[in-house]
Protein backbone atom coordinates (compact mmCIF):
# COMPACT_ATOMS: atom_id res chain seq x y z
CA MET A 1 -10.93 2.11 -14.76
CA ARG A 2 -8.19 2.48 -17.37
CA ALA A 3 -5.95 5.38 -18.26
CA SER A 4 -2.49 5.93 -19.60
CA ALA A 5 -0.04 3.59 -17.87
CA SER A 6 2.16 6.52 -16.92
CA LEU A 7 0.96 9.55 -15.01
CA VAL A 8 3.06 12.70 -14.78
CA LEU A 9 2.33 15.19 -12.02
CA SER A 10 3.90 18.60 -11.46
CA LEU A 11 4.47 19.23 -7.79
CA LEU A 12 5.27 22.13 -5.52
CA LEU A 13 7.61 20.58 -3.00
CA ILE A 14 9.69 21.60 -0.01
CA CYS A 15 13.44 21.75 0.21
CA ALA A 16 14.86 18.91 2.28
CA GLY A 17 18.50 19.80 2.26
CA GLY A 18 21.52 20.76 0.21
CA PRO A 19 23.24 18.72 -2.49
CA ALA A 20 25.29 15.75 -1.44
CA VAL A 21 27.52 13.10 -2.93
CA ALA A 22 25.10 10.50 -4.21
CA GLY A 23 24.71 7.22 -6.04
CA PRO A 24 23.55 6.78 -9.63
CA THR A 25 19.82 6.80 -8.85
CA LEU A 26 19.97 9.96 -6.78
CA ASP A 27 22.19 11.59 -9.40
CA ARG A 28 19.72 10.73 -12.17
CA ILE A 29 16.68 11.97 -10.21
CA ARG A 30 18.36 15.27 -9.38
CA ALA A 31 19.63 15.76 -12.92
CA GLU A 32 16.27 15.08 -14.58
CA LYS A 33 14.23 16.60 -11.70
CA VAL A 34 11.73 13.74 -11.75
CA LEU A 35 11.10 10.80 -9.40
CA ARG A 36 9.53 7.72 -11.00
CA CYS A 37 7.33 5.40 -8.97
CA GLY A 38 5.16 2.43 -9.88
CA GLY A 39 2.69 0.00 -8.36
CA VAL A 40 -0.20 -2.38 -8.96
CA GLU A 41 -3.55 -0.62 -8.87
CA ARG A 42 -5.48 -1.29 -5.66
CA PRO A 43 -8.35 0.71 -4.14
CA GLY A 44 -7.00 3.35 -1.76
CA LEU A 45 -3.38 2.61 -2.68
CA VAL A 46 -3.30 3.75 -6.29
CA GLU A 47 -6.30 4.48 -8.46
CA ILE A 48 -6.04 6.22 -11.82
CA GLU A 49 -9.27 7.55 -13.27
CA PRO A 50 -9.98 7.46 -17.05
CA GLU A 51 -9.30 11.19 -17.34
CA GLY A 52 -5.88 10.71 -15.72
CA LYS A 53 -6.64 11.93 -12.19
CA ALA A 54 -4.88 9.77 -9.64
CA HIS A 55 -5.00 9.36 -5.89
CA GLY A 56 -3.95 6.88 -3.22
CA LEU A 57 -1.53 6.17 -0.39
CA GLU A 58 1.29 5.14 -2.74
CA LEU A 59 0.94 8.35 -4.71
CA ASP A 60 1.16 10.36 -1.47
CA LEU A 61 4.29 8.43 -0.48
CA CYS A 62 5.84 9.04 -3.91
CA ARG A 63 5.09 12.74 -3.48
CA ALA A 64 6.75 12.68 -0.05
CA LEU A 65 9.88 11.01 -1.46
CA ALA A 66 10.00 13.50 -4.34
CA SER A 67 9.90 16.39 -1.87
CA VAL A 68 12.82 14.95 0.06
CA VAL A 69 14.99 14.33 -3.02
CA LEU A 70 14.06 17.28 -5.24
CA GLY A 71 12.96 20.05 -2.94
CA SER A 72 10.72 22.66 -4.53
CA ASN A 73 11.78 22.11 -8.13
CA GLY A 74 10.63 18.69 -9.25
CA ARG A 75 7.87 16.40 -10.40
CA LEU A 76 6.91 12.76 -10.22
CA GLU A 77 5.77 10.08 -12.63
CA PHE A 78 3.67 7.09 -11.59
CA THR A 79 3.40 3.91 -13.65
CA ARG A 80 0.58 1.45 -13.15
CA TYR A 81 1.83 -2.13 -13.46
CA ASP A 82 -1.05 -3.67 -15.37
CA SER A 83 0.73 -5.53 -18.18
CA GLU A 84 3.84 -7.48 -19.05
CA LYS A 85 5.08 -4.39 -20.91
CA ALA A 86 4.89 -2.32 -17.73
CA PHE A 87 6.77 -4.96 -15.71
CA ALA A 88 9.36 -5.28 -18.48
CA ALA A 89 10.04 -1.56 -18.13
CA ALA A 90 10.37 -2.04 -14.36
CA ARG A 91 12.90 -4.83 -14.91
CA ALA A 92 14.80 -2.52 -17.25
CA GLY A 93 15.14 0.02 -14.42
CA HIS A 94 12.56 2.57 -15.55
CA ASP A 95 11.25 3.28 -12.03
CA ASP A 96 13.07 4.50 -8.94
CA VAL A 97 10.56 3.21 -6.35
CA MET A 98 8.28 0.21 -6.86
CA PHE A 99 5.46 -0.56 -4.43
CA LEU A 100 5.06 -4.33 -4.73
CA THR A 101 4.34 -7.48 -2.73
CA GLY A 102 6.82 -10.32 -2.46
CA ARG A 103 4.68 -12.44 -4.76
CA GLU A 104 4.62 -9.68 -7.38
CA LEU A 105 8.41 -9.37 -7.18
CA VAL A 106 8.87 -13.13 -7.63
CA GLU A 107 6.31 -13.62 -10.40
CA ASN A 108 7.69 -10.71 -12.43
CA GLY A 109 11.39 -11.53 -12.18
CA LEU A 110 12.37 -8.58 -9.99
CA THR A 111 13.86 -10.29 -6.93
CA GLY A 112 17.47 -9.95 -8.11
CA GLN A 113 17.07 -6.33 -9.13
CA VAL A 114 15.61 -4.63 -6.08
CA ILE A 115 16.36 -3.90 -2.45
CA PRO A 116 13.24 -4.78 -0.39
CA GLY A 117 12.51 -1.61 1.55
CA PRO A 118 10.06 -0.82 4.35
CA ALA A 119 6.45 -2.00 4.36
CA ILE A 120 4.10 0.79 3.36
CA PHE A 121 0.87 -1.20 3.74
CA VAL A 122 -0.07 -4.65 5.03
CA GLU A 123 -2.69 -6.09 2.71
CA ARG A 124 -4.75 -9.02 3.89
CA THR A 125 -7.13 -11.47 2.32
CA ALA A 126 -10.43 -11.58 4.19
CA VAL A 127 -14.07 -12.53 3.79
CA ALA A 128 -17.08 -10.21 3.60
CA VAL A 129 -20.60 -11.22 4.58
CA PRO A 130 -23.94 -9.40 4.25
CA GLU A 131 -24.63 -7.02 7.13
CA ALA A 132 -27.80 -8.94 7.95
CA SER A 133 -25.91 -12.26 8.22
CA SER A 134 -25.72 -13.93 11.62
CA VAL A 135 -22.10 -14.89 10.87
CA ARG A 136 -19.60 -13.02 13.07
CA HIS A 137 -16.50 -15.18 12.67
CA LEU A 138 -14.92 -17.05 9.78
CA GLU A 139 -15.38 -20.53 11.26
CA GLU A 140 -19.13 -20.00 11.16
CA LEU A 141 -18.92 -20.24 7.37
CA ALA A 142 -17.85 -23.91 7.61
CA ASP A 143 -19.58 -25.94 4.88
CA LYS A 144 -21.13 -22.75 3.48
CA PRO A 145 -20.62 -21.43 -0.10
CA ILE A 146 -17.90 -18.78 -0.41
CA CYS A 147 -17.23 -16.85 -3.63
CA PHE A 148 -13.72 -16.03 -4.85
CA SER A 149 -11.81 -15.16 -8.01
CA LEU A 150 -10.14 -18.18 -9.62
CA GLY A 151 -6.34 -18.12 -9.52
CA GLY A 152 -6.05 -15.21 -7.10
CA HIS A 153 -4.63 -14.90 -3.59
CA ALA A 154 -8.01 -15.55 -2.02
CA GLU A 155 -8.53 -19.00 -3.57
CA PHE A 156 -5.29 -20.36 -2.12
CA HIS A 157 -5.65 -18.57 1.21
CA LEU A 158 -9.22 -19.84 1.65
CA HIS A 159 -8.22 -23.45 1.12
CA GLY A 160 -5.18 -23.01 3.36
CA TRP A 161 -7.11 -21.39 6.23
CA PHE A 162 -9.93 -23.92 6.24
CA ALA A 163 -7.53 -26.87 5.92
CA ALA A 164 -5.44 -25.56 8.85
CA SER A 165 -8.65 -25.12 10.87
CA LYS A 166 -9.78 -28.67 9.93
CA LEU A 167 -12.95 -27.24 8.46
CA GLY A 168 -14.54 -27.35 5.06
CA PHE A 169 -16.39 -24.90 2.85
CA THR A 170 -18.17 -24.96 -0.50
CA PRO A 171 -15.90 -23.27 -3.08
CA MET A 172 -17.56 -20.99 -5.64
CA GLY A 173 -14.88 -19.81 -8.07
CA PHE A 174 -15.47 -17.19 -10.75
CA ARG A 175 -13.39 -15.94 -13.67
CA GLU A 176 -15.15 -12.58 -13.85
CA ASP A 177 -15.40 -10.21 -10.87
CA VAL A 178 -18.74 -8.84 -12.07
CA GLU A 179 -20.29 -12.32 -12.00
CA MET A 180 -18.72 -13.04 -8.62
CA ASN A 181 -20.06 -9.85 -7.06
CA ASP A 182 -23.52 -10.48 -8.56
CA ALA A 183 -23.55 -13.96 -7.03
CA PHE A 184 -22.73 -12.50 -3.63
CA LYS A 185 -25.33 -9.75 -4.01
CA VAL A 186 -28.17 -12.20 -4.70
CA GLY A 187 -27.12 -14.59 -1.92
CA TYR A 188 -25.74 -17.38 -4.11
CA CYS A 189 -22.78 -17.47 -1.75
CA GLN A 190 -22.74 -16.51 1.92
CA GLY A 191 -19.23 -15.06 1.91
CA LEU A 192 -17.03 -13.17 -0.53
CA ALA A 193 -13.25 -13.60 -0.28
CA GLY A 194 -10.63 -11.19 -1.60
CA GLU A 195 -8.05 -8.57 -0.70
CA SER A 196 -9.29 -6.22 2.01
CA THR A 197 -8.97 -3.11 -0.16
CA ALA A 198 -10.98 -4.65 -3.01
CA LEU A 199 -13.59 -6.00 -0.58
CA ALA A 200 -13.94 -2.59 1.07
CA GLU A 201 -14.56 -1.02 -2.34
CA THR A 202 -17.10 -3.72 -3.20
CA VAL A 203 -19.12 -3.52 0.01
CA HIS A 204 -19.45 0.27 -0.37
CA SER A 205 -20.20 0.14 -4.08
CA ALA A 206 -23.50 1.39 -5.49
CA ASP A 207 -23.45 -1.71 -7.70
CA MET A 208 -24.32 -3.81 -4.65
CA GLY A 209 -27.86 -2.48 -4.80
CA GLY A 210 -27.73 -0.84 -1.40
CA LYS A 211 -27.17 -4.17 0.37
CA ALA A 212 -24.79 -3.46 3.23
CA SER A 213 -21.92 -5.83 3.91
CA ARG A 214 -19.05 -6.04 6.38
CA LEU A 215 -15.65 -7.70 6.66
CA LEU A 216 -15.13 -10.50 9.16
CA PRO A 217 -12.33 -9.76 11.66
CA GLU A 218 -10.15 -12.79 10.84
CA SER A 219 -7.50 -12.64 8.13
CA LEU A 220 -7.02 -15.55 5.77
CA ALA A 221 -3.48 -14.26 5.25
CA ALA A 222 -1.55 -10.99 5.42
CA PHE A 223 1.33 -9.75 3.29
CA PRO A 224 3.19 -6.43 3.09
CA ILE A 225 3.51 -4.11 0.13
CA LEU A 226 7.13 -2.94 0.12
CA ALA A 227 8.80 0.24 -1.06
CA THR A 228 11.54 -1.32 -3.19
CA SER A 229 14.34 0.33 -5.14
CA GLY A 230 17.13 -0.80 -7.44
CA THR A 231 20.19 -2.64 -6.17
CA GLN A 232 22.53 -0.17 -7.89
CA ASP A 233 22.07 2.60 -5.30
CA GLY A 234 22.10 1.75 -1.62
CA GLU A 235 22.15 5.45 -0.69
CA PHE A 236 18.81 6.00 -2.41
CA ALA A 237 17.40 2.86 -0.73
CA ALA A 238 18.45 4.31 2.64
CA LEU A 239 16.75 7.61 1.84
CA VAL A 240 13.54 5.77 0.91
CA ALA A 241 13.64 3.78 4.15
CA TRP A 242 14.27 6.78 6.42
CA THR A 243 11.54 8.81 4.72
CA VAL A 244 8.89 6.10 5.12
CA GLU A 245 9.92 5.35 8.70
CA THR A 246 9.81 9.08 9.53
CA LEU A 247 6.19 9.28 8.35
CA LYS A 248 5.27 6.25 10.47
CA ARG A 249 7.22 7.39 13.52
CA ALA A 250 5.59 10.82 13.39
CA ASP A 251 2.44 9.14 14.74
CA ALA A 252 4.16 7.84 17.87
CA PRO A 253 2.42 9.16 21.02
CA GLU A 254 4.41 11.10 23.57
CA SER A 255 4.45 10.21 27.24
CA TYR A 256 6.30 11.34 30.34
CA TRP A 257 8.97 8.68 29.71
CA VAL A 258 9.08 8.49 25.91
CA ARG A 259 9.37 11.16 23.26
CA GLY A 260 6.77 11.03 20.50
CA GLY A 261 6.31 12.31 16.97
CA VAL A 262 9.12 13.29 14.63
CA GLU A 263 11.34 14.28 17.58
CA SER A 264 11.44 10.65 18.72
CA MET A 265 13.47 9.57 15.67
CA PRO A 266 15.86 12.37 14.67
CA ILE A 267 17.67 11.39 11.48
CA GLU A 268 20.47 13.51 10.03
CA ALA A 269 22.37 12.09 7.08
CA PRO A 270 24.17 14.86 5.15
CA ALA A 271 25.62 12.27 2.74
CA LEU A 272 22.05 11.58 1.61
CA GLY A 273 21.00 15.23 1.64
CA LEU A 274 19.01 14.78 4.86
CA GLN A 275 19.90 17.90 6.79
CA LYS A 276 18.63 18.98 10.20
CA GLY A 277 14.93 19.84 10.14
CA TRP A 278 14.03 17.84 7.00
CA GLN A 279 11.67 15.54 8.90
CA LYS A 280 9.52 18.33 10.34
CA ARG A 281 9.31 20.03 6.95
CA LEU A 282 8.28 16.72 5.37
CA VAL A 283 5.49 16.04 7.86
CA ASP A 284 4.29 19.64 7.65
CA LEU A 285 3.90 19.17 3.89
CA VAL A 286 2.36 15.71 3.52
CA GLY A 287 1.18 14.77 7.03
CA THR A 288 1.94 11.62 8.98
CA TYR A 289 1.36 8.06 7.80
CA ALA A 290 -1.83 7.88 9.86
CA GLN A 291 -3.17 11.01 8.17
CA MET A 292 -2.30 9.58 4.74
CA PHE A 293 -4.00 6.30 5.64
CA ASP A 294 -7.08 8.06 6.93
CA ARG A 295 -7.69 10.13 3.82
CA ASN A 296 -6.99 7.31 1.35
CA LEU A 297 -8.20 4.18 3.13
CA GLY A 298 -9.69 5.10 6.50
CA ALA A 299 -12.49 7.18 7.96
CA GLN A 300 -12.12 10.08 5.51
CA SER A 301 -12.22 7.77 2.49
CA GLU A 302 -14.99 5.76 0.86
CA LEU A 303 -13.34 2.49 1.96
CA LYS A 304 -13.62 3.09 5.74
CA LEU A 305 -10.91 0.55 6.56
CA GLU A 306 -9.51 0.40 10.09
CA ARG A 307 -5.76 0.66 10.58
CA GLY A 308 -5.50 -2.89 11.93
CA LEU A 309 -2.12 -4.35 10.97
CA ASN A 310 -1.13 -0.98 9.53
CA GLY A 311 -0.80 0.54 12.99
CA GLY A 312 2.18 0.53 15.31
CA VAL A 313 2.99 -2.35 17.64
CA GLY A 314 1.44 -0.46 20.55
CA GLU A 315 -1.82 -0.50 18.59
CA GLN A 316 -1.59 -4.25 17.86
CA GLY A 317 -0.29 -3.36 14.41
CA ALA A 318 2.67 -4.70 12.46
CA PHE A 319 4.76 -1.54 12.09
CA ALA A 320 7.70 -1.60 14.47
CA PRO A 321 9.93 1.49 14.59
CA PRO A 322 13.65 1.13 13.76
CA TYR A 323 14.33 1.95 17.40
CA VAL A 324 12.43 3.05 20.48
CA GLU A 325 13.66 5.51 23.09
């Protein structure tokens, strides 16, 4: 799927608070009435159709941030990082929020230009097997052929996992994803390695000829996608962090001893424009993180991914709240 690298969306947003003294990024966003985000295209995170329609968790998060900064009178732009030209624009400061992994920041010369913000999704490399396979755990693929894309995360993570487990496997590397998926479909390899989002899209694809597949529970590796912003405006970075953490914290269950939901993490920061009540208005507009995940990646989506590491610590996930009452 390919479309214009930049997508502009007009939004009806909610008011999050009054004007405040701000840094250069916040000043620019409010003056131009547009928030610019960018990310690498991944199923469920950001997908841009040929006709320009876009959807995904990162787009929902960009919309949430735009509502907090701009209120009801703004729009957002989303840039897909799919070329050196797109990353050059990111290095030049074109985008306000960039959803990127640590490896993507390093490889594209962005580490000295961004503040690493909160994790918005924990991606993992995993292995899929046919539904009819007797294999239930990764070690059962020892000495078996496993397909992967040459030069990607999965190739290195496969070798690392099997070496650490003192096991071997038969590597089947491909330069073209179509050829790799065809090899898996016809049984040339007994496992298919890749990022969990891409694997989920593949196993549910009509191109697999109706042959059901499933992901094995073990991760070869896991790495977060971060909401990063430029080093020139710490106030905007703080606003990004509190917005993302509010959406996550809104899922916290309530008990007799512990407050749950938005009320469990009340944040008021007038200097950032975060006035009393902004968190409830935000969640009422866009939903909680769990609801965003569900419609883009989980049960309500075509990918059917489980929360896994993208849940809270009480759910054996990786997302720890800034504080717990």
